[in-house]
């Protein structure tokens, strides 16, 4: 028996699970780079459980938080990859301090050699 985390879902199954029409899923794939279902040898899409989680998150952001497509892209990038701009000057200064500390540590390591 195949483990649930390894299970592949067809686009129609994802549509049924998430209540998102198939055509909308296809549009979302083009609109949101974070949603990238794999394809098999015959070029049919298959979704992994992680992809379904992203679909559900997009649905929540679009329908409940009323974000635009650009807002959804930015939020997903922040959530999935930790990317994004600092939200305050203090956060920016802390980030710059951390980068400066790491750069100094690298320079010290190079000077030791």
PDB file of N, CA and C in Angstrom:
ATOM      1  N   UNK A   1       0.843  -1.194   0.000  1.00  0.00           N
ATOM      2  CA  UNK A   1       0.000   0.000   0.000  1.00  0.00           C
ATOM      3  C   UNK A   1       0.880   1.247   0.000  1.00  0.00           C
ATOM      4  N   UNK A   2       0.559   2.204  -0.836  1.00  0.00           N
ATOM      5  CA  UNK A   2       1.350   3.407  -0.997  1.00  0.00           C
ATOM      6  C   UNK A   2       1.061   4.376   0.149  1.00  0.00           C
ATOM      7  N   UNK A   3       2.110   4.955   0.713  1.00  0.00           N
ATOM      8  CA  UNK A   3       1.942   5.910   1.806  1.00  0.00           C
ATOM      9  C   UNK A   3       1.210   7.154   1.295  1.00  0.00           C
ATOM     10  N   UNK A   4       0.438   7.788   2.169  1.00  0.00           N
ATOM     11  CA  UNK A   4      -0.340   8.958   1.767  1.00  0.00           C
ATOM     12  C   UNK A   4       0.544  10.104   1.291  1.00  0.00           C
ATOM     13  N   UNK A   5       1.722  10.271   1.918  1.00  0.00           N
ATOM     14  CA  UNK A   5       2.572  11.387   1.506  1.00  0.00           C
ATOM     15  C   UNK A   5       3.201  11.160   0.137  1.00  0.00           C
ATOM     16  N   UNK A   6       3.192   9.919  -0.357  1.00  0.00           N
ATOM     17  CA  UNK A   6       3.724   9.628  -1.685  1.00  0.00           C
ATOM     18  C   UNK A   6       2.625   9.559  -2.745  1.00  0.00           C
ATOM     19  N   UNK A   7       1.392   9.688  -2.335  1.00  0.00           N
ATOM     20  CA  UNK A   7       0.283   9.536  -3.266  1.00  0.00           C
ATOM     21  C   UNK A   7       0.254  10.670  -4.275  1.00  0.00           C
ATOM     22  N   UNK A   8      -0.064  10.337  -5.508  1.00  0.00           N
ATOM     23  CA  UNK A   8      -0.225  11.313  -6.569  1.00  0.00           C
ATOM     24  C   UNK A   8      -1.707  11.522  -6.827  1.00  0.00           C
ATOM     25  N   UNK A   9      -2.090  12.757  -7.035  1.00  0.00           N
ATOM     26  CA  UNK A   9      -3.491  13.087  -7.291  1.00  0.00           C
ATOM     27  C   UNK A   9      -3.620  13.698  -8.679  1.00  0.00           C
ATOM     28  N   UNK A  10      -4.634  13.252  -9.405  1.00  0.00           N
ATOM     29  CA  UNK A  10      -4.934  13.855 -10.700  1.00  0.00           C
ATOM     30  C   UNK A  10      -5.610  15.206 -10.464  1.00  0.00           C
ATOM     31  N   UNK A  11      -5.630  16.040 -11.487  1.00  0.00           N
ATOM     32  CA  UNK A  11      -6.197  17.377 -11.343  1.00  0.00           C
ATOM     33  C   UNK A  11      -7.681  17.321 -10.979  1.00  0.00           C
ATOM     34  N   UNK A  12      -8.398  16.336 -11.494  1.00  0.00           N
ATOM     35  CA  UNK A  12      -9.825  16.216 -11.161  1.00  0.00           C
ATOM     36  C   UNK A  12     -10.012  15.842  -9.691  1.00  0.00           C
ATOM     37  N   UNK A  13      -9.102  15.029  -9.144  1.00  0.00           N
ATOM     38  CA  UNK A  13      -9.185  14.673  -7.730  1.00  0.00           C
ATOM     39  C   UNK A  13      -8.901  15.883  -6.848  1.00  0.00           C
ATOM     40  N   UNK A  14      -7.918  16.686  -7.247  1.00  0.00           N
ATOM     41  CA  UNK A  14      -7.601  17.898  -6.486  1.00  0.00           C
ATOM     42  C   UNK A  14      -8.774  18.864  -6.551  1.00  0.00           C
ATOM     43  N   UNK A  15      -9.403  18.950  -7.701  1.00  0.00           N
ATOM     44  CA  UNK A  15     -10.583  19.797  -7.851  1.00  0.00           C
ATOM     45  C   UNK A  15     -11.684  19.364  -6.891  1.00  0.00           C
ATOM     46  N   UNK A  16     -11.917  18.073  -6.796  1.00  0.00           N
ATOM     47  CA  UNK A  16     -12.942  17.558  -5.881  1.00  0.00           C
ATOM     48  C   UNK A  16     -12.567  17.801  -4.419  1.00  0.00           C
ATOM     49  N   UNK A  17     -11.291  17.619  -4.091  1.00  0.00           N
ATOM     50  CA  UNK A  17     -10.836  17.786  -2.704  1.00  0.00           C
ATOM     51  C   UNK A  17     -10.903  19.237  -2.238  1.00  0.00           C
ATOM     52  N   UNK A  18     -10.647  20.168  -3.139  1.00  0.00           N
ATOM     53  CA  UNK A  18     -10.520  21.568  -2.748  1.00  0.00           C
ATOM     54  C   UNK A  18     -11.691  22.454  -3.168  1.00  0.00           C
ATOM     55  N   UNK A  19     -12.608  21.917  -3.932  1.00  0.00           N
ATOM     56  CA  UNK A  19     -13.735  22.704  -4.457  1.00  0.00           C
ATOM     57  C   UNK A  19     -13.269  23.849  -5.366  1.00  0.00           C
ATOM     58  N   UNK A  20     -12.206  23.616  -6.068  1.00  0.00           N
ATOM     59  CA  UNK A  20     -11.707  24.583  -7.052  1.00  0.00           C
ATOM     60  C   UNK A  20     -11.902  23.946  -8.424  1.00  0.00           C
ATOM     61  N   UNK A  21     -12.543  24.645  -9.361  1.00  0.00           N
ATOM     62  CA  UNK A  21     -12.736  24.066 -10.695  1.00  0.00           C
ATOM     63  C   UNK A  21     -11.397  23.776 -11.379  1.00  0.00           C
ATOM     64  N   UNK A  22     -11.400  22.786 -12.242  1.00  0.00           N
ATOM     65  CA  UNK A  22     -10.188  22.362 -12.942  1.00  0.00           C
ATOM     66  C   UNK A  22      -9.582  23.525 -13.716  1.00  0.00           C
ATOM     67  N   UNK A  23     -10.439  24.309 -14.390  1.00  0.00           N
ATOM     68  CA  UNK A  23      -9.900  25.426 -15.182  1.00  0.00           C
ATOM     69  C   UNK A  23      -9.206  26.452 -14.282  1.00  0.00           C
ATOM     70  N   UNK A  24      -9.712  26.646 -13.072  1.00  0.00           N
ATOM     71  CA  UNK A  24      -9.082  27.590 -12.143  1.00  0.00           C
ATOM     72  C   UNK A  24      -7.726  27.060 -11.672  1.00  0.00           C
ATOM     73  N   UNK A  25      -7.646  25.745 -11.447  1.00  0.00           N
ATOM     74  CA  UNK A  25      -6.358  25.166 -11.064  1.00  0.00           C
ATOM     75  C   UNK A  25      -5.315  25.390 -12.146  1.00  0.00           C
ATOM     76  N   UNK A  26      -5.718  25.230 -13.392  1.00  0.00           N
ATOM     77  CA  UNK A  26      -4.790  25.460 -14.502  1.00  0.00           C
ATOM     78  C   UNK A  26      -4.361  26.930 -14.560  1.00  0.00           C
ATOM     79  N   UNK A  27      -5.310  27.834 -14.323  1.00  0.00           N
ATOM     80  CA  UNK A  27      -4.975  29.259 -14.310  1.00  0.00           C
ATOM     81  C   UNK A  27      -4.014  29.575 -13.169  1.00  0.00           C
ATOM     82  N   UNK A  28      -4.259  28.986 -12.009  1.00  0.00           N
ATOM     83  CA  UNK A  28      -3.405  29.232 -10.852  1.00  0.00           C
ATOM     84  C   UNK A  28      -1.980  28.741 -11.109  1.00  0.00           C
ATOM     85  N   UNK A  29      -1.844  27.637 -11.826  1.00  0.00           N
ATOM     86  CA  UNK A  29      -0.499  27.144 -12.148  1.00  0.00           C
ATOM     87  C   UNK A  29       0.275  28.185 -12.951  1.00  0.00           C
ATOM     88  N   UNK A  30      -0.414  28.864 -13.868  1.00  0.00           N
ATOM     89  CA  UNK A  30       0.237  29.895 -14.673  1.00  0.00           C
ATOM     90  C   UNK A  30       0.459  31.172 -13.863  1.00  0.00           C
ATOM     91  N   UNK A  31      -0.436  31.467 -12.955  1.00  0.00           N
ATOM     92  CA  UNK A  31      -0.409  32.727 -12.217  1.00  0.00           C
ATOM     93  C   UNK A  31       0.532  32.705 -11.018  1.00  0.00           C
ATOM     94  N   UNK A  32       0.633  31.556 -10.341  1.00  0.00           N
ATOM     95  CA  UNK A  32       1.415  31.464  -9.110  1.00  0.00           C
ATOM     96  C   UNK A  32       2.569  30.483  -9.306  1.00  0.00           C
ATOM     97  N   UNK A  33       3.790  30.982  -9.367  1.00  0.00           N
ATOM     98  CA  UNK A  33       4.933  30.103  -9.633  1.00  0.00           C
ATOM     99  C   UNK A  33       5.190  29.072  -8.533  1.00  0.00           C
ATOM    100  N   UNK A  34       4.638  29.286  -7.356  1.00  0.00           N
ATOM    101  CA  UNK A  34       4.837  28.328  -6.260  1.00  0.00           C
ATOM    102  C   UNK A  34       4.051  27.040  -6.479  1.00  0.00           C
ATOM    103  N   UNK A  35       3.035  27.085  -7.306  1.00  0.00           N
ATOM    104  CA  UNK A  35       2.205  25.910  -7.587  1.00  0.00           C
ATOM    105  C   UNK A  35       2.732  25.255  -8.868  1.00  0.00           C
ATOM    106  N   UNK A  36       3.494  24.187  -8.693  1.00  0.00           N
ATOM    107  CA  UNK A  36       4.105  23.498  -9.829  1.00  0.00           C
ATOM    108  C   UNK A  36       3.867  22.004  -9.716  1.00  0.00           C
ATOM    109  N   UNK A  37       2.697  21.529 -10.128  1.00  0.00           N
ATOM    110  CA  UNK A  37       2.505  20.079 -10.088  1.00  0.00           C
ATOM    111  C   UNK A  37       3.450  19.394 -11.069  1.00  0.00           C
ATOM    112  N   UNK A  38       3.832  18.207 -10.727  1.00  0.00           N
ATOM    113  CA  UNK A  38       4.726  17.428 -11.595  1.00  0.00           C
ATOM    114  C   UNK A  38       3.934  16.902 -12.781  1.00  0.00           C
ATOM    115  N   UNK A  39       4.647  16.381 -13.749  1.00  0.00           N
ATOM    116  CA  UNK A  39       4.006  15.761 -14.909  1.00  0.00           C
ATOM    117  C   UNK A  39       4.607  14.380 -15.119  1.00  0.00           C
ATOM    118  N   UNK A  40       3.763  13.467 -15.581  1.00  0.00           N
ATOM    119  CA  UNK A  40       4.262  12.116 -15.849  1.00  0.00           C
ATOM    120  C   UNK A  40       4.774  12.047 -17.292  1.00  0.00           C
ATOM    121  N   UNK A  41       5.148  10.862 -17.712  1.00  0.00           N
ATOM    122  CA  UNK A  41       5.738  10.710 -19.050  1.00  0.00           C
ATOM    123  C   UNK A  41       4.775  11.075 -20.172  1.00  0.00           C
ATOM    124  N   UNK A  42       3.499  10.921 -19.923  1.00  0.00           N
ATOM    125  CA  UNK A  42       2.512  11.286 -20.945  1.00  0.00           C
ATOM    126  C   UNK A  42       2.053  12.743 -20.783  1.00  0.00           C
ATOM    127  N   UNK A  43       2.794  13.514 -19.979  1.00  0.00           N
ATOM    128  CA  UNK A  43       2.576  14.947 -19.782  1.00  0.00           C
ATOM    129  C   UNK A  43       1.281  15.281 -19.040  1.00  0.00           C
ATOM    130  N   UNK A  44       0.759  14.340 -18.290  1.00  0.00           N
ATOM    131  CA  UNK A  44      -0.411  14.624 -17.453  1.00  0.00           C
ATOM    132  C   UNK A  44       0.066  15.123 -16.093  1.00  0.00           C
ATOM    133  N   UNK A  45      -0.672  16.108 -15.560  1.00  0.00           N
ATOM    134  CA  UNK A  45      -0.317  16.653 -14.259  1.00  0.00           C
ATOM    135  C   UNK A  45      -0.625  15.651 -13.164  1.00  0.00           C
ATOM    136  N   UNK A  46       0.221  15.680 -12.142  1.00  0.00           N
ATOM    137  CA  UNK A  46      -0.155  15.009 -10.906  1.00  0.00           C
ATOM    138  C   UNK A  46       0.320  15.858  -9.739  1.00  0.00           C
ATOM    139  N   UNK A  47      -0.547  15.951  -8.769  1.00  0.00           N
ATOM    140  CA  UNK A  47      -0.303  16.781  -7.598  1.00  0.00           C
ATOM    141  C   UNK A  47       0.131  15.910  -6.433  1.00  0.00           C
ATOM    142  N   UNK A  48       1.091  16.411  -5.684  1.00  0.00           N
ATOM    143  CA  UNK A  48       1.531  15.775  -4.457  1.00  0.00           C
ATOM    144  C   UNK A  48       0.801  16.460  -3.293  1.00  0.00           C
ATOM    145  N   UNK A  49       0.808  15.858  -2.108  1.00  0.00           N
ATOM    146  CA  UNK A  49       0.132  16.496  -0.969  1.00  0.00           C
ATOM    147  C   UNK A  49       0.609  17.927  -0.694  1.00  0.00           C
ATOM    148  N   UNK A  50       1.902  18.224  -0.928  1.00  0.00           N
ATOM    149  CA  UNK A  50       2.394  19.591  -0.726  1.00  0.00           C
ATOM    150  C   UNK A  50       1.704  20.554  -1.686  1.00  0.00           C
ATOM    151  N   UNK A  51       1.489  20.109  -2.924  1.00  0.00           N
ATOM    152  CA  UNK A  51       0.808  20.945  -3.918  1.00  0.00           C
ATOM    153  C   UNK A  51      -0.628  21.225  -3.492  1.00  0.00           C
ATOM    154  N   UNK A  52      -1.283  20.233  -2.925  1.00  0.00           N
ATOM    155  CA  UNK A  52      -2.665  20.414  -2.473  1.00  0.00           C
ATOM    156  C   UNK A  52      -2.704  21.420  -1.331  1.00  0.00           C
ATOM    157  N   UNK A  53      -1.699  21.380  -0.462  1.00  0.00           N
ATOM    158  CA  UNK A  53      -1.614  22.371   0.611  1.00  0.00           C
ATOM    159  C   UNK A  53      -1.466  23.783   0.059  1.00  0.00           C
ATOM    160  N   UNK A  54      -0.680  23.928  -1.005  1.00  0.00           N
ATOM    161  CA  UNK A  54      -0.512  25.238  -1.629  1.00  0.00           C
ATOM    162  C   UNK A  54      -1.825  25.688  -2.270  1.00  0.00           C
ATOM    163  N   UNK A  55      -2.541  24.770  -2.915  1.00  0.00           N
ATOM    164  CA  UNK A  55      -3.845  25.105  -3.511  1.00  0.00           C
ATOM    165  C   UNK A  55      -4.800  25.601  -2.433  1.00  0.00           C
ATOM    166  N   UNK A  56      -4.841  24.896  -1.306  1.00  0.00           N
ATOM    167  CA  UNK A  56      -5.740  25.308  -0.208  1.00  0.00           C
ATOM    168  C   UNK A  56      -5.344  26.673   0.342  1.00  0.00           C
ATOM    169  N   UNK A  57      -4.041  26.937   0.427  1.00  0.00           N
ATOM    170  CA  UNK A  57      -3.585  28.230   0.931  1.00  0.00           C
ATOM    171  C   UNK A  57      -3.928  29.342  -0.051  1.00  0.00           C
ATOM    172  N   UNK A  58      -3.757  29.098  -1.349  1.00  0.00           N
ATOM    173  CA  UNK A  58      -4.136  30.097  -2.358  1.00  0.00           C
ATOM    174  C   UNK A  58      -5.625  30.390  -2.251  1.00  0.00           C
ATOM    175  N   UNK A  59      -6.431  29.350  -2.114  1.00  0.00           N
ATOM    176  CA  UNK A  59      -7.878  29.528  -1.987  1.00  0.00           C
ATOM    177  C   UNK A  59      -8.204  30.413  -0.790  1.00  0.00           C
ATOM    178  N   UNK A  60      -7.541  30.170   0.326  1.00  0.00           N
ATOM    179  CA  UNK A  60      -7.787  30.965   1.532  1.00  0.00           C
ATOM    180  C   UNK A  60      -7.376  32.422   1.317  1.00  0.00           C
ATOM    181  N   UNK A  61      -6.219  32.633   0.699  1.00  0.00           N
ATOM    182  CA  UNK A  61      -5.733  33.993   0.478  1.00  0.00           C
ATOM    183  C   UNK A  61      -6.624  34.760  -0.490  1.00  0.00           C
ATOM    184  N   UNK A  62      -7.098  34.085  -1.524  1.00  0.00           N
ATOM    185  CA  UNK A  62      -7.924  34.749  -2.538  1.00  0.00           C
ATOM    186  C   UNK A  62      -9.342  34.984  -2.036  1.00  0.00           C
ATOM    187  N   UNK A  63      -9.935  33.965  -1.470  1.00  0.00           N
ATOM    188  CA  UNK A  63     -11.355  34.055  -1.124  1.00  0.00           C
ATOM    189  C   UNK A  63     -11.637  34.671   0.241  1.00  0.00           C
ATOM    190  N   UNK A  64     -10.769  34.414   1.207  1.00  0.00           N
ATOM    191  CA  UNK A  64     -11.057  34.889   2.559  1.00  0.00           C
ATOM    192  C   UNK A  64     -10.289  36.158   2.913  1.00  0.00           C
ATOM    193  N   UNK A  65      -9.022  36.238   2.478  1.00  0.00           N
ATOM    194  CA  UNK A  65      -8.233  37.426   2.793  1.00  0.00           C
ATOM    195  C   UNK A  65      -8.293  38.459   1.673  1.00  0.00           C
ATOM    196  N   UNK A  66      -8.951  38.108   0.559  1.00  0.00           N
ATOM    197  CA  UNK A  66      -9.198  39.021  -0.564  1.00  0.00           C
ATOM    198  C   UNK A  66      -7.920  39.648  -1.128  1.00  0.00           C
ATOM    199  N   UNK A  67      -6.850  38.860  -1.221  1.00  0.00           N
ATOM    200  CA  UNK A  67      -5.603  39.369  -1.779  1.00  0.00           C
ATOM    201  C   UNK A  67      -5.643  39.321  -3.307  1.00  0.00           C
ATOM    202  N   UNK A  68      -4.901  40.218  -3.910  1.00  0.00           N
ATOM    203  CA  UNK A  68      -4.757  40.201  -5.366  1.00  0.00           C
ATOM    204  C   UNK A  68      -3.771  39.094  -5.745  1.00  0.00           C
ATOM    205  N   UNK A  69      -3.634  38.854  -7.034  1.00  0.00           N
ATOM    206  CA  UNK A  69      -2.700  37.823  -7.505  1.00  0.00           C
ATOM    207  C   UNK A  69      -1.276  38.144  -7.051  1.00  0.00           C
ATOM    208  N   UNK A  70      -0.885  39.418  -7.154  1.00  0.00           N
ATOM    209  CA  UNK A  70       0.462  39.816  -6.717  1.00  0.00           C
ATOM    210  C   UNK A  70       0.614  39.626  -5.213  1.00  0.00           C
ATOM    211  N   UNK A  71      -0.424  39.964  -4.456  1.00  0.00           N
ATOM    212  CA  UNK A  71      -0.383  39.778  -3.009  1.00  0.00           C
ATOM    213  C   UNK A  71      -0.254  38.314  -2.629  1.00  0.00           C
ATOM    214  N   UNK A  72      -0.946  37.442  -3.345  1.00  0.00           N
ATOM    215  CA  UNK A  72      -0.861  36.000  -3.088  1.00  0.00           C
ATOM    216  C   UNK A  72       0.545  35.496  -3.396  1.00  0.00           C
ATOM    217  N   UNK A  73       1.115  35.939  -4.523  1.00  0.00           N
ATOM    218  CA  UNK A  73       2.476  35.529  -4.879  1.00  0.00           C
ATOM    219  C   UNK A  73       3.469  35.928  -3.795  1.00  0.00           C
ATOM    220  N   UNK A  74       3.364  37.167  -3.328  1.00  0.00           N
ATOM    221  CA  UNK A  74       4.291  37.644  -2.302  1.00  0.00           C
ATOM    222  C   UNK A  74       4.120  36.884  -0.994  1.00  0.00           C
ATOM    223  N   UNK A  75       2.874  36.693  -0.576  1.00  0.00           N
ATOM    224  CA  UNK A  75       2.619  36.003   0.686  1.00  0.00           C
ATOM    225  C   UNK A  75       3.098  34.565   0.630  1.00  0.00           C
ATOM    226  N   UNK A  76       2.833  33.877  -0.496  1.00  0.00           N
ATOM    227  CA  UNK A  76       3.298  32.495  -0.631  1.00  0.00           C
ATOM    228  C   UNK A  76       4.823  32.415  -0.602  1.00  0.00           C
ATOM    229  N   UNK A  77       5.480  33.362  -1.261  1.00  0.00           N
ATOM    230  CA  UNK A  77       6.944  33.367  -1.232  1.00  0.00           C
ATOM    231  C   UNK A  77       7.456  33.526   0.189  1.00  0.00           C
ATOM    232  N   UNK A  78       6.843  34.429   0.928  1.00  0.00           N
ATOM    233  CA  UNK A  78       7.249  34.630   2.320  1.00  0.00           C
ATOM    234  C   UNK A  78       7.029  33.368   3.142  1.00  0.00           C
ATOM    235  N   UNK A  79       5.873  32.747   2.975  1.00  0.00           N
ATOM    236  CA  UNK A  79       5.526  31.578   3.780  1.00  0.00           C
ATOM    237  C   UNK A  79       6.335  30.341   3.395  1.00  0.00           C
ATOM    238  N   UNK A  80       6.540  30.144   2.099  1.00  0.00           N
ATOM    239  CA  UNK A  80       7.213  28.927   1.651  1.00  0.00           C
ATOM    240  C   UNK A  80       8.727  29.022   1.690  1.00  0.00           C
ATOM    241  N   UNK A  81       9.248  30.196   1.350  1.00  0.00           N
ATOM    242  CA  UNK A  81      10.693  30.319   1.202  1.00  0.00           C
ATOM    243  C   UNK A  81      11.316  31.279   2.206  1.00  0.00           C
ATOM    244  N   UNK A  82      10.491  31.927   3.023  1.00  0.00           N
ATOM    245  CA  UNK A  82      11.010  32.881   3.988  1.00  0.00           C
ATOM    246  C   UNK A  82      11.513  34.155   3.339  1.00  0.00           C
ATOM    247  N   UNK A  83      11.096  34.398   2.109  1.00  0.00           N
ATOM    248  CA  UNK A  83      11.533  35.590   1.397  1.00  0.00           C
ATOM    249  C   UNK A  83      10.604  36.747   1.699  1.00  0.00           C
ATOM    250  N   UNK A  84      11.116  37.918   1.518  1.00  0.00           N
ATOM    251  CA  UNK A  84      10.291  39.094   1.691  1.00  0.00           C
ATOM    252  C   UNK A  84      11.102  40.240   2.253  1.00  0.00           C
ATOM    253  N   UNK A  85      10.559  41.408   2.140  1.00  0.00           N
ATOM    254  CA  UNK A  85      11.238  42.585   2.648  1.00  0.00           C
ATOM    255  C   UNK A  85      11.023  42.686   4.148  1.00  0.00           C
ATOM    256  N   UNK A  86      11.998  43.295   4.852  1.00  0.00           N
ATOM    257  CA  UNK A  86      11.784  43.531   6.282  1.00  0.00           C
ATOM    258  C   UNK A  86      10.547  44.405   6.479  1.00  0.00           C
ATOM    259  N   UNK A  87       9.815  44.147   7.536  1.00  0.00           N
ATOM    260  CA  UNK A  87       8.552  44.831   7.746  1.00  0.00           C
ATOM    261  C   UNK A  87       8.695  46.145   8.511  1.00  0.00           C
ATOM    262  N   UNK A  88       9.879  46.372   9.100  1.00  0.00           N
ATOM    263  CA  UNK A  88      10.101  47.612   9.838  1.00  0.00           C
ATOM    264  C   UNK A  88      11.575  47.989   9.745  1.00  0.00           C
ATOM    265  N   UNK A  89      11.876  49.235  10.136  1.00  0.00           N
ATOM    266  CA  UNK A  89      13.270  49.679  10.139  1.00  0.00           C
ATOM    267  C   UNK A  89      14.093  48.873  11.132  1.00  0.00           C
ATOM    268  N   UNK A  90      13.491  48.543  12.271  1.00  0.00           N
ATOM    269  CA  UNK A  90      14.195  47.757  13.275  1.00  0.00           C
ATOM    270  C   UNK A  90      14.565  46.382  12.716  1.00  0.00           C
ATOM    271  N   UNK A  91      13.621  45.736  12.050  1.00  0.00           N
ATOM    272  CA  UNK A  91      13.882  44.429  11.452  1.00  0.00           C
ATOM    273  C   UNK A  91      14.971  44.534  10.387  1.00  0.00           C
ATOM    274  N   UNK A  92      14.969  45.626   9.631  1.00  0.00           N
ATOM    275  CA  UNK A  92      15.978  45.836   8.603  1.00  0.00           C
ATOM    276  C   UNK A  92      17.359  46.010   9.245  1.00  0.00           C
ATOM    277  N   UNK A  93      17.435  46.793  10.310  1.00  0.00           N
ATOM    278  CA  UNK A  93      18.716  46.994  10.992  1.00  0.00           C
ATOM    279  C   UNK A  93      19.231  45.685  11.585  1.00  0.00           C
ATOM    280  N   UNK A  94      18.332  44.900  12.152  1.00  0.00           N
ATOM    281  CA  UNK A  94      18.745  43.609  12.713  1.00  0.00           C
ATOM    282  C   UNK A  94      19.289  42.687  11.622  1.00  0.00           C
ATOM    283  N   UNK A  95      18.620  42.671  10.487  1.00  0.00           N
ATOM    284  CA  UNK A  95      19.062  41.848   9.365  1.00  0.00           C
ATOM    285  C   UNK A  95      20.422  42.317   8.851  1.00  0.00           C
ATOM    286  N   UNK A  96      20.593  43.633   8.733  1.00  0.00           N
ATOM    287  CA  UNK A  96      21.882  44.168   8.295  1.00  0.00           C
ATOM    288  C   UNK A  96      22.988  43.840   9.294  1.00  0.00           C
ATOM    289  N   UNK A  97      22.669  43.913  10.575  1.00  0.00           N
ATOM    290  CA  UNK A  97      23.645  43.558  11.604  1.00  0.00           C
ATOM    291  C   UNK A  97      24.052  42.094  11.509  1.00  0.00           C
ATOM    292  N   UNK A  98      23.085  41.253  11.259  1.00  0.00           N
ATOM    293  CA  UNK A  98      23.365  39.817  11.114  1.00  0.00           C
ATOM    294  C   UNK A  98      24.245  39.556   9.897  1.00  0.00           C
ATOM    295  N   UNK A  99      23.926  40.209   8.779  1.00  0.00           N
ATOM    296  CA  UNK A  99      24.714  40.050   7.560  1.00  0.00           C
ATOM    297  C   UNK A  99      26.131  40.555   7.784  1.00  0.00           C
ATOM    298  N   UNK A 100      26.254  41.716   8.447  1.00  0.00           N
ATOM    299  CA  UNK A 100      27.574  42.272   8.729  1.00  0.00           C
ATOM    300  C   UNK A 100      28.392  41.327   9.606  1.00  0.00           C
ATOM    301  N   UNK A 101      27.754  40.748  10.617  1.00  0.00           N
ATOM    302  CA  UNK A 101      28.442  39.802  11.493  1.00  0.00           C
ATOM    303  C   UNK A 101      28.923  38.568  10.743  1.00  0.00           C
ATOM    304  N   UNK A 102      28.076  38.050   9.860  1.00  0.00           N
ATOM    305  CA  UNK A 102      28.465  36.888   9.068  1.00  0.00           C
ATOM    306  C   UNK A 102      29.604  37.225   8.110  1.00  0.00           C
ATOM    307  N   UNK A 103      29.569  38.422   7.521  1.00  0.00           N
ATOM    308  CA  UNK A 103      30.632  38.830   6.608  1.00  0.00           C
ATOM    309  C   UNK A 103      31.953  38.979   7.365  1.00  0.00           C
ATOM    310  N   UNK A 104      31.901  39.567   8.558  1.00  0.00           N
ATOM    311  CA  UNK A 104      33.116  39.715   9.369  1.00  0.00           C
ATOM    312  C   UNK A 104      33.683  38.342   9.751  1.00  0.00           C
ATOM    313  N   UNK A 105      32.803  37.412  10.101  1.00  0.00           N
ATOM    314  CA  UNK A 105      33.246  36.066  10.463  1.00  0.00           C
ATOM    315  C   UNK A 105      33.927  35.383   9.281  1.00  0.00           C
ATOM    316  N   UNK A 106      33.378  35.562   8.090  1.00  0.00           N
ATOM    317  CA  UNK A 106      33.995  34.986   6.888  1.00  0.00           C
ATOM    318  C   UNK A 106      35.358  35.616   6.610  1.00  0.00           C
ATOM    319  N   UNK A 107      35.445  36.938   6.760  1.00  0.00           N
ATOM    320  CA  UNK A 107      36.728  37.612   6.551  1.00  0.00           C
ATOM    321  C   UNK A 107      37.762  37.149   7.575  1.00  0.00           C
ATOM    322  N   UNK A 108      37.343  36.985   8.819  1.00  0.00           N
ATOM    323  CA  UNK A 108      38.259  36.491   9.859  1.00  0.00           C
ATOM    324  C   UNK A 108      38.747  35.081   9.525  1.00  0.00           C
ATOM    325  N   UNK A 109      37.855  34.238   9.031  1.00  0.00           N
ATOM    326  CA  UNK A 109      38.258  32.881   8.657  1.00  0.00           C
ATOM    327  C   UNK A 109      39.282  32.910   7.520  1.00  0.00           C
ATOM    328  N   UNK A 110      39.090  33.820   6.559  1.00  0.00           N
ATOM    329  CA  UNK A 110      40.013  33.930   5.440  1.00  0.00           C
ATOM    330  C   UNK A 110      41.366  34.504   5.895  1.00  0.00           C
ATOM    331  N   UNK A 111      41.349  35.419   6.852  1.00  0.00           N
ATOM    332  CA  UNK A 111      42.592  36.005   7.362  1.00  0.00           C
ATOM    333  C   UNK A 111      43.410  34.990   8.152  1.00  0.00           C
ATOM    334  N   UNK A 112      42.745  34.046   8.811  1.00  0.00           N
ATOM    335  CA  UNK A 112      43.429  33.024   9.591  1.00  0.00           C
ATOM    336  C   UNK A 112      44.246  32.092   8.705  1.00  0.00           C
ATOM    337  N   UNK A 113      43.826  31.910   7.475  1.00  0.00           N
ATOM    338  CA  UNK A 113      44.512  30.984   6.575  1.00  0.00           C
ATOM    339  C   UNK A 113      45.702  31.631   6.001  1.00  0.00           C
TER     340      UNK A 113
END
